[in-house]
PDB file of N, CA and C in Angstrom:
ATOM      1  N   UNK A   1       3.165  32.590  46.012  1.00  0.00           N
ATOM      2  CA  UNK A   1       4.092  32.586  45.052  1.00  0.00           C
ATOM      3  C   UNK A   1       5.360  32.116  45.572  1.00  0.00           C
ATOM      4  N   UNK A   2       5.990  31.049  44.876  1.00  0.00           N
ATOM      5  CA  UNK A   2       7.377  30.588  45.412  1.00  0.00           C
ATOM      6  C   UNK A   2       8.574  30.948  44.883  1.00  0.00           C
ATOM      7  N   UNK A   3       9.609  31.079  45.500  1.00  0.00           N
ATOM      8  CA  UNK A   3      10.733  31.407  44.939  1.00  0.00           C
ATOM      9  C   UNK A   3      11.696  30.326  44.822  1.00  0.00           C
ATOM     10  N   UNK A   4      12.164  29.973  43.548  1.00  0.00           N
ATOM     11  CA  UNK A   4      13.057  28.837  43.488  1.00  0.00           C
ATOM     12  C   UNK A   4      14.448  29.167  43.073  1.00  0.00           C
ATOM     13  N   UNK A   5      15.499  28.576  43.678  1.00  0.00           N
ATOM     14  CA  UNK A   5      16.834  28.873  43.263  1.00  0.00           C
ATOM     15  C   UNK A   5      17.077  28.324  41.797  1.00  0.00           C
ATOM     16  N   UNK A   6      18.008  28.948  41.171  1.00  0.00           N
ATOM     17  CA  UNK A   6      18.424  28.594  39.826  1.00  0.00           C
ATOM     18  C   UNK A   6      18.500  26.946  39.550  1.00  0.00           C
ATOM     19  N   UNK A   7      19.191  26.441  40.608  1.00  0.00           N
ATOM     20  CA  UNK A   7      19.294  24.980  40.522  1.00  0.00           C
ATOM     21  C   UNK A   7      17.989  24.225  40.762  1.00  0.00           C
ATOM     22  N   UNK A   8      17.122  24.654  41.709  1.00  0.00           N
ATOM     23  CA  UNK A   8      15.751  24.151  41.777  1.00  0.00           C
ATOM     24  C   UNK A   8      14.986  24.209  40.547  1.00  0.00           C
ATOM     25  N   UNK A   9      15.197  25.414  39.900  1.00  0.00           N
ATOM     26  CA  UNK A   9      14.423  25.519  38.728  1.00  0.00           C
ATOM     27  C   UNK A   9      14.776  24.482  37.578  1.00  0.00           C
ATOM     28  N   UNK A  10      16.164  24.438  37.408  1.00  0.00           N
ATOM     29  CA  UNK A  10      16.595  23.516  36.453  1.00  0.00           C
ATOM     30  C   UNK A  10      15.954  22.095  36.781  1.00  0.00           C
ATOM     31  N   UNK A  11      16.246  21.726  38.053  1.00  0.00           N
ATOM     32  CA  UNK A  11      15.825  20.316  38.414  1.00  0.00           C
ATOM     33  C   UNK A  11      14.168  20.050  38.322  1.00  0.00           C
ATOM     34  N   UNK A  12      13.608  20.904  38.673  1.00  0.00           N
ATOM     35  CA  UNK A  12      12.121  20.967  38.790  1.00  0.00           C
ATOM     36  C   UNK A  12      11.376  22.022  38.053  1.00  0.00           C
ATOM     37  N   UNK A  13      11.702  21.992  36.787  1.00  0.00           N
ATOM     38  CA  UNK A  13      11.039  23.045  35.955  1.00  0.00           C
ATOM     39  C   UNK A  13       9.616  22.614  35.849  1.00  0.00           C
ATOM     40  N   UNK A  14       9.245  21.291  35.450  1.00  0.00           N
ATOM     41  CA  UNK A  14       7.739  21.220  35.399  1.00  0.00           C
ATOM     42  C   UNK A  14       6.968  21.743  36.519  1.00  0.00           C
ATOM     43  N   UNK A  15       7.469  21.506  37.642  1.00  0.00           N
ATOM     44  CA  UNK A  15       6.755  21.877  38.888  1.00  0.00           C
ATOM     45  C   UNK A  15       6.620  23.406  38.860  1.00  0.00           C
ATOM     46  N   UNK A  16       7.689  24.125  38.462  1.00  0.00           N
ATOM     47  CA  UNK A  16       7.862  25.635  38.471  1.00  0.00           C
ATOM     48  C   UNK A  16       6.858  26.096  37.518  1.00  0.00           C
ATOM     49  N   UNK A  17       6.731  25.641  36.183  1.00  0.00           N
ATOM     50  CA  UNK A  17       5.849  25.833  35.291  1.00  0.00           C
ATOM     51  C   UNK A  17       4.265  25.708  35.831  1.00  0.00           C
ATOM     52  N   UNK A  18       4.066  24.725  36.482  1.00  0.00           N
ATOM     53  CA  UNK A  18       2.576  24.335  36.964  1.00  0.00           C
ATOM     54  C   UNK A  18       2.168  25.453  38.123  1.00  0.00           C
ATOM     55  N   UNK A  19       3.300  25.639  38.841  1.00  0.00           N
ATOM     56  CA  UNK A  19       2.968  26.784  39.704  1.00  0.00           C
ATOM     57  C   UNK A  19       2.679  28.016  39.140  1.00  0.00           C
ATOM     58  N   UNK A  20       3.601  28.398  38.220  1.00  0.00           N
ATOM     59  CA  UNK A  20       3.320  29.565  37.522  1.00  0.00           C
ATOM     60  C   UNK A  20       2.037  29.796  36.934  1.00  0.00           C
ATOM     61  N   UNK A  21       1.469  28.646  36.385  1.00  0.00           N
ATOM     62  CA  UNK A  21       0.179  28.447  35.670  1.00  0.00           C
ATOM     63  C   UNK A  21      -0.960  28.634  36.694  1.00  0.00           C
ATOM     64  N   UNK A  22      -0.761  27.811  37.811  1.00  0.00           N
ATOM     65  CA  UNK A  22      -1.829  28.030  38.930  1.00  0.00           C
ATOM     66  C   UNK A  22      -1.985  29.225  39.802  1.00  0.00           C
ATOM     67  N   UNK A  23      -0.700  29.692  40.053  1.00  0.00           N
ATOM     68  CA  UNK A  23      -0.603  31.079  40.810  1.00  0.00           C
ATOM     69  C   UNK A  23      -0.483  32.357  40.178  1.00  0.00           C
ATOM     70  N   UNK A  24      -0.133  32.249  38.795  1.00  0.00           N
ATOM     71  CA  UNK A  24      -0.056  33.452  37.878  1.00  0.00           C
ATOM     72  C   UNK A  24       1.412  33.707  37.670  1.00  0.00           C
ATOM     73  N   UNK A  25       2.256  33.210  38.517  1.00  0.00           N
ATOM     74  CA  UNK A  25       3.945  33.555  38.424  1.00  0.00           C
ATOM     75  C   UNK A  25       4.491  32.733  39.289  1.00  0.00           C
ATOM     76  N   UNK A  26       5.838  32.517  39.184  1.00  0.00           N
ATOM     77  CA  UNK A  26       6.510  31.963  39.945  1.00  0.00           C
ATOM     78  C   UNK A  26       7.983  32.679  39.772  1.00  0.00           C
ATOM     79  N   UNK A  27       9.017  32.665  40.840  1.00  0.00           N
ATOM     80  CA  UNK A  27      10.191  33.410  40.670  1.00  0.00           C
ATOM     81  C   UNK A  27      11.411  32.505  41.004  1.00  0.00           C
ATOM     82  N   UNK A  28      12.391  32.964  40.153  1.00  0.00           N
ATOM     83  CA  UNK A  28      13.795  32.221  40.120  1.00  0.00           C
ATOM     84  C   UNK A  28      14.819  33.064  40.754  1.00  0.00           C
ATOM     85  N   UNK A  29      15.459  32.938  41.698  1.00  0.00           N
ATOM     86  CA  UNK A  29      16.579  33.717  42.192  1.00  0.00           C
ATOM     87  C   UNK A  29      17.973  32.975  41.856  1.00  0.00           C
ATOM     88  N   UNK A  30      18.772  33.751  41.228  1.00  0.00           N
ATOM     89  CA  UNK A  30      19.961  33.343  40.931  1.00  0.00           C
ATOM     90  C   UNK A  30      21.081  33.538  42.167  1.00  0.00           C
ATOM     91  N   UNK A  31      22.211  32.784  42.195  1.00  0.00           N
ATOM     92  CA  UNK A  31      23.105  33.024  43.136  1.00  0.00           C
ATOM     93  C   UNK A  31      23.496  34.339  43.287  1.00  0.00           C
ATOM     94  N   UNK A  32      23.668  35.199  42.247  1.00  0.00           N
ATOM     95  CA  UNK A  32      24.096  36.509  42.535  1.00  0.00           C
ATOM     96  C   UNK A  32      22.996  37.319  43.176  1.00  0.00           C
ATOM     97  N   UNK A  33      21.777  36.925  43.338  1.00  0.00           N
ATOM     98  CA  UNK A  33      20.746  37.688  43.907  1.00  0.00           C
ATOM     99  C   UNK A  33      19.666  38.266  43.103  1.00  0.00           C
ATOM    100  N   UNK A  34      20.165  38.066  41.667  1.00  0.00           N
ATOM    101  CA  UNK A  34      19.061  38.551  40.607  1.00  0.00           C
ATOM    102  C   UNK A  34      17.932  37.596  40.706  1.00  0.00           C
ATOM    103  N   UNK A  35      16.715  38.341  40.638  1.00  0.00           N
ATOM    104  CA  UNK A  35      15.549  37.491  40.642  1.00  0.00           C
ATOM    105  C   UNK A  35      14.587  37.706  39.310  1.00  0.00           C
ATOM    106  N   UNK A  36      14.211  36.371  38.718  1.00  0.00           N
ATOM    107  CA  UNK A  36      13.260  36.530  37.463  1.00  0.00           C
ATOM    108  C   UNK A  36      11.983  35.868  37.711  1.00  0.00           C
ATOM    109  N   UNK A  37      10.741  36.481  37.117  1.00  0.00           N
ATOM    110  CA  UNK A  37       9.672  36.028  37.266  1.00  0.00           C
ATOM    111  C   UNK A  37       9.090  35.366  35.915  1.00  0.00           C
ATOM    112  N   UNK A  38       8.533  34.088  36.236  1.00  0.00           N
ATOM    113  CA  UNK A  38       8.015  33.434  35.107  1.00  0.00           C
ATOM    114  C   UNK A  38       6.641  33.315  35.173  1.00  0.00           C
ATOM    115  N   UNK A  39       5.879  33.948  34.081  1.00  0.00           N
ATOM    116  CA  UNK A  39       4.546  33.967  34.106  1.00  0.00           C
ATOM    117  C   UNK A  39       3.809  33.238  32.727  1.00  0.00           C
ATOM    118  N   UNK A  40       2.619  32.757  32.817  1.00  0.00           N
ATOM    119  CA  UNK A  40       2.086  32.322  31.684  1.00  0.00           C
ATOM    120  C   UNK A  40       1.822  33.039  30.617  1.00  0.00           C
ATOM    121  N   UNK A  41       1.804  32.797  29.313  1.00  0.00           N
ATOM    122  CA  UNK A  41       1.522  33.596  28.333  1.00  0.00           C
ATOM    123  C   UNK A  41       0.011  33.764  28.089  1.00  0.00           C
ATOM    124  N   UNK A  42      -0.759  34.807  27.941  1.00  0.00           N
ATOM    125  CA  UNK A  42      -2.074  34.705  27.695  1.00  0.00           C
ATOM    126  C   UNK A  42      -2.590  34.026  26.413  1.00  0.00           C
ATOM    127  N   UNK A  43      -3.581  33.367  26.287  1.00  0.00           N
ATOM    128  CA  UNK A  43      -4.054  32.657  25.222  1.00  0.00           C
ATOM    129  C   UNK A  43      -4.412  33.807  24.030  1.00  0.00           C
ATOM    130  N   UNK A  44      -4.154  33.156  22.870  1.00  0.00           N
ATOM    131  CA  UNK A  44      -4.314  34.068  21.622  1.00  0.00           C
ATOM    132  C   UNK A  44      -5.667  33.619  20.950  1.00  0.00           C
ATOM    133  N   UNK A  45      -6.751  33.840  21.698  1.00  0.00           N
ATOM    134  CA  UNK A  45      -7.956  33.320  21.206  1.00  0.00           C
ATOM    135  C   UNK A  45      -8.548  34.562  20.294  1.00  0.00           C
ATOM    136  N   UNK A  46      -9.494  34.179  19.455  1.00  0.00           N
ATOM    137  CA  UNK A  46     -10.143  35.096  18.718  1.00  0.00           C
ATOM    138  C   UNK A  46     -10.975  36.163  19.385  1.00  0.00           C
ATOM    139  N   UNK A  47     -10.779  37.563  18.896  1.00  0.00           N
ATOM    140  CA  UNK A  47     -11.729  38.351  19.696  1.00  0.00           C
ATOM    141  C   UNK A  47     -13.451  38.070  19.456  1.00  0.00           C
ATOM    142  N   UNK A  48     -13.578  37.147  18.362  1.00  0.00           N
ATOM    143  CA  UNK A  48     -14.934  36.748  18.148  1.00  0.00           C
ATOM    144  C   UNK A  48     -15.253  35.698  18.942  1.00  0.00           C
ATOM    145  N   UNK A  49     -14.471  34.981  19.880  1.00  0.00           N
ATOM    146  CA  UNK A  49     -14.778  33.890  20.639  1.00  0.00           C
ATOM    147  C   UNK A  49     -15.398  34.566  22.075  1.00  0.00           C
ATOM    148  N   UNK A  50     -16.878  34.739  22.050  1.00  0.00           N
ATOM    149  CA  UNK A  50     -17.478  35.344  23.096  1.00  0.00           C
ATOM    150  C   UNK A  50     -18.501  34.339  23.463  1.00  0.00           C
ATOM    151  N   UNK A  51     -18.827  34.077  24.747  1.00  0.00           N
ATOM    152  CA  UNK A  51     -20.016  33.417  25.118  1.00  0.00           C
ATOM    153  C   UNK A  51     -21.346  33.860  24.651  1.00  0.00           C
ATOM    154  N   UNK A  52     -22.128  32.812  24.314  1.00  0.00           N
ATOM    155  CA  UNK A  52     -23.383  33.260  23.855  1.00  0.00           C
ATOM    156  C   UNK A  52     -24.429  33.716  24.987  1.00  0.00           C
ATOM    157  N   UNK A  53     -25.460  34.393  24.513  1.00  0.00           N
ATOM    158  CA  UNK A  53     -26.551  35.016  25.549  1.00  0.00           C
ATOM    159  C   UNK A  53     -27.846  34.245  25.246  1.00  0.00           C
ATOM    160  N   UNK A  54     -28.461  33.544  26.235  1.00  0.00           N
ATOM    161  CA  UNK A  54     -29.766  32.714  26.107  1.00  0.00           C
ATOM    162  C   UNK A  54     -30.785  33.666  26.196  1.00  0.00           C
ATOM    163  N   UNK A  55     -31.402  34.003  24.808  1.00  0.00           N
ATOM    164  CA  UNK A  55     -32.624  34.856  24.992  1.00  0.00           C
ATOM    165  C   UNK A  55     -33.881  34.085  25.092  1.00  0.00           C
ATOM    166  N   UNK A  56     -33.732  32.845  25.204  1.00  0.00           N
ATOM    167  CA  UNK A  56     -35.105  31.901  25.549  1.00  0.00           C
ATOM    168  C   UNK A  56     -35.679  31.919  24.214  1.00  0.00           C
ATOM    169  N   UNK A  57     -35.013  32.069  23.001  1.00  0.00           N
ATOM    170  CA  UNK A  57     -35.697  31.953  21.864  1.00  0.00           C
ATOM    171  C   UNK A  57     -35.538  30.529  21.014  1.00  0.00           C
ATOM    172  N   UNK A  58     -36.777  29.984  20.469  1.00  0.00           N
ATOM    173  CA  UNK A  58     -36.421  28.843  19.680  1.00  0.00           C
ATOM    174  C   UNK A  58     -35.887  29.161  18.386  1.00  0.00           C
ATOM    175  N   UNK A  59     -35.375  28.121  17.524  1.00  0.00           N
ATOM    176  CA  UNK A  59     -34.749  27.995  16.503  1.00  0.00           C
ATOM    177  C   UNK A  59     -35.894  28.779  15.548  1.00  0.00           C
ATOM    178  N   UNK A  60     -37.010  28.351  15.551  1.00  0.00           N
ATOM    179  CA  UNK A  60     -38.000  28.726  14.686  1.00  0.00           C
ATOM    180  C   UNK A  60     -38.349  30.141  14.965  1.00  0.00           C
ATOM    181  N   UNK A  61     -38.217  30.698  15.994  1.00  0.00           N
ATOM    182  CA  UNK A  61     -38.497  32.177  16.336  1.00  0.00           C
ATOM    183  C   UNK A  61     -37.394  32.943  15.382  1.00  0.00           C
ATOM    184  N   UNK A  62     -36.190  32.507  15.871  1.00  0.00           N
ATOM    185  CA  UNK A  62     -34.852  33.153  15.024  1.00  0.00           C
ATOM    186  C   UNK A  62     -35.144  33.172  13.760  1.00  0.00           C
ATOM    187  N   UNK A  63     -35.435  32.119  13.083  1.00  0.00           N
ATOM    188  CA  UNK A  63     -35.754  32.081  11.722  1.00  0.00           C
ATOM    189  C   UNK A  63     -36.833  32.987  11.330  1.00  0.00           C
ATOM    190  N   UNK A  64     -37.850  33.145  12.089  1.00  0.00           N
ATOM    191  CA  UNK A  64     -39.015  34.076  11.627  1.00  0.00           C
ATOM    192  C   UNK A  64     -38.661  35.381  11.851  1.00  0.00           C
ATOM    193  N   UNK A  65     -37.861  35.733  12.685  1.00  0.00           N
ATOM    194  CA  UNK A  65     -37.293  37.176  12.767  1.00  0.00           C
ATOM    195  C   UNK A  65     -36.354  37.348  11.519  1.00  0.00           C
ATOM    196  N   UNK A  66     -35.491  36.545  11.268  1.00  0.00           N
ATOM    197  CA  UNK A  66     -34.681  36.779  10.099  1.00  0.00           C
ATOM    198  C   UNK A  66     -35.406  37.045   8.627  1.00  0.00           C
ATOM    199  N   UNK A  67     -36.441  36.079   8.520  1.00  0.00           N
ATOM    200  CA  UNK A  67     -37.192  36.252   7.329  1.00  0.00           C
ATOM    201  C   UNK A  67     -38.113  37.509   7.407  1.00  0.00           C
ATOM    202  N   UNK A  68     -38.680  37.941   8.607  1.00  0.00           N
ATOM    203  CA  UNK A  68     -39.374  39.249   8.588  1.00  0.00           C
ATOM    204  C   UNK A  68     -38.469  40.292   8.159  1.00  0.00           C
ATOM    205  N   UNK A  69     -37.235  40.340   8.744  1.00  0.00           N
ATOM    206  CA  UNK A  69     -36.379  41.378   8.539  1.00  0.00           C
ATOM    207  C   UNK A  69     -35.892  41.378   7.127  1.00  0.00           C
ATOM    208  N   UNK A  70     -35.893  40.317   6.150  1.00  0.00           N
ATOM    209  CA  UNK A  70     -35.588  40.195   4.958  1.00  0.00           C
ATOM    210  C   UNK A  70     -36.853  40.997   4.202  1.00  0.00           C
ATOM    211  N   UNK A  71     -37.951  40.652   4.540  1.00  0.00           N
ATOM    212  CA  UNK A  71     -39.150  41.039   3.907  1.00  0.00           C
ATOM    213  C   UNK A  71     -39.180  42.496   3.741  1.00  0.00           C
ATOM    214  N   UNK A  72     -38.746  43.185   4.988  1.00  0.00           N
ATOM    215  CA  UNK A  72     -38.836  44.617   4.894  1.00  0.00           C
ATOM    216  C   UNK A  72     -37.913  45.390   4.329  1.00  0.00           C
ATOM    217  N   UNK A  73     -36.961  44.729   3.529  1.00  0.00           N
ATOM    218  CA  UNK A  73     -36.062  45.397   2.565  1.00  0.00           C
ATOM    219  C   UNK A  73     -36.567  45.756   1.437  1.00  0.00           C
TER     220      UNK A  73
END
Protein backbone atom coordinates (compact mmCIF):
# COMPACT_ATOMS: atom_id res chain seq x y z
CA UNK A 1 0.00 0.00 0.00
CA UNK A 2 1.35 3.38 -0.99
CA UNK A 3 1.15 6.67 0.83
CA UNK A 4 0.62 9.77 -1.28
CA UNK A 5 1.13 13.36 -0.24
CA UNK A 6 -1.97 15.51 -0.53
CA UNK A 7 -0.43 17.23 -3.59
CA UNK A 8 0.24 13.85 -5.27
CA UNK A 9 -3.29 12.71 -4.45
CA UNK A 10 -4.76 15.79 -6.16
CA UNK A 11 -2.49 15.42 -9.18
CA UNK A 12 -2.84 11.64 -9.58
CA UNK A 13 -6.29 10.93 -8.16
CA UNK A 14 -7.05 8.30 -10.81
CA UNK A 15 -3.86 6.38 -9.97
CA UNK A 16 -4.61 6.61 -6.24
CA UNK A 17 -8.16 5.25 -6.75
CA UNK A 18 -6.94 2.42 -8.97
CA UNK A 19 -4.39 1.43 -6.35
CA UNK A 20 -7.06 1.52 -3.63
CA UNK A 21 -9.18 -0.78 -5.77
CA UNK A 22 -6.30 -3.15 -6.52
CA UNK A 23 -4.67 -3.19 -3.05
CA UNK A 24 -7.74 -2.61 -0.89
CA UNK A 25 -6.69 0.83 0.28
CA UNK A 26 -4.35 3.78 -0.31
CA UNK A 27 -3.21 6.48 2.12
CA UNK A 28 -2.93 10.24 1.84
CA UNK A 29 -0.60 12.12 4.18
CA UNK A 30 -1.23 15.82 4.68
CA UNK A 31 1.50 18.37 5.32
CA UNK A 32 0.51 18.52 9.00
CA UNK A 33 1.14 14.76 9.34
CA UNK A 34 -2.46 13.55 9.46
CA UNK A 35 -3.05 10.39 7.42
CA UNK A 36 -6.27 9.41 5.66
CA UNK A 37 -7.13 6.04 4.19
CA UNK A 38 -9.10 5.62 0.95
CA UNK A 39 -10.92 2.29 0.51
CA UNK A 40 -13.29 1.16 -2.23
CA UNK A 41 -16.89 0.77 -1.12
CA UNK A 42 -18.25 -2.75 -1.14
CA UNK A 43 -20.77 -3.51 -3.85
CA UNK A 44 -24.41 -3.40 -2.89
CA UNK A 45 -25.47 -6.53 -4.71
CA UNK A 46 -28.61 -8.38 -3.83
CA UNK A 47 -28.35 -11.00 -1.08
CA UNK A 48 -30.11 -13.24 -3.59
CA UNK A 49 -27.14 -13.03 -5.99
CA UNK A 50 -25.65 -16.43 -5.26
CA UNK A 51 -23.76 -18.81 -7.46
CA UNK A 52 -25.66 -21.79 -8.76
CA UNK A 53 -24.87 -25.36 -7.80
CA UNK A 54 -24.45 -27.90 -10.57
CA UNK A 55 -26.44 -30.95 -9.51
CA UNK A 56 -25.99 -32.70 -12.82
CA UNK A 57 -29.75 -32.68 -13.51
CA UNK A 58 -31.34 -32.06 -16.88
CA UNK A 59 -34.19 -29.62 -17.33
CA UNK A 60 -36.53 -32.54 -17.88
CA UNK A 61 -35.53 -34.11 -14.55
CA UNK A 62 -36.12 -30.84 -12.71
CA UNK A 63 -39.55 -30.49 -14.32
CA UNK A 64 -40.39 -34.10 -13.37
CA UNK A 65 -39.46 -33.41 -9.72
CA UNK A 66 -41.64 -30.29 -9.68
CA UNK A 67 -44.60 -32.14 -11.17
CA UNK A 68 -44.18 -34.99 -8.70
CA UNK A 69 -44.15 -32.54 -5.80
CA UNK A 70 -47.32 -30.88 -7.06
CA UNK A 71 -49.11 -34.23 -7.37
CA UNK A 72 -48.36 -35.08 -3.73
CA UNK A 73 -50.27 -32.07 -2.44
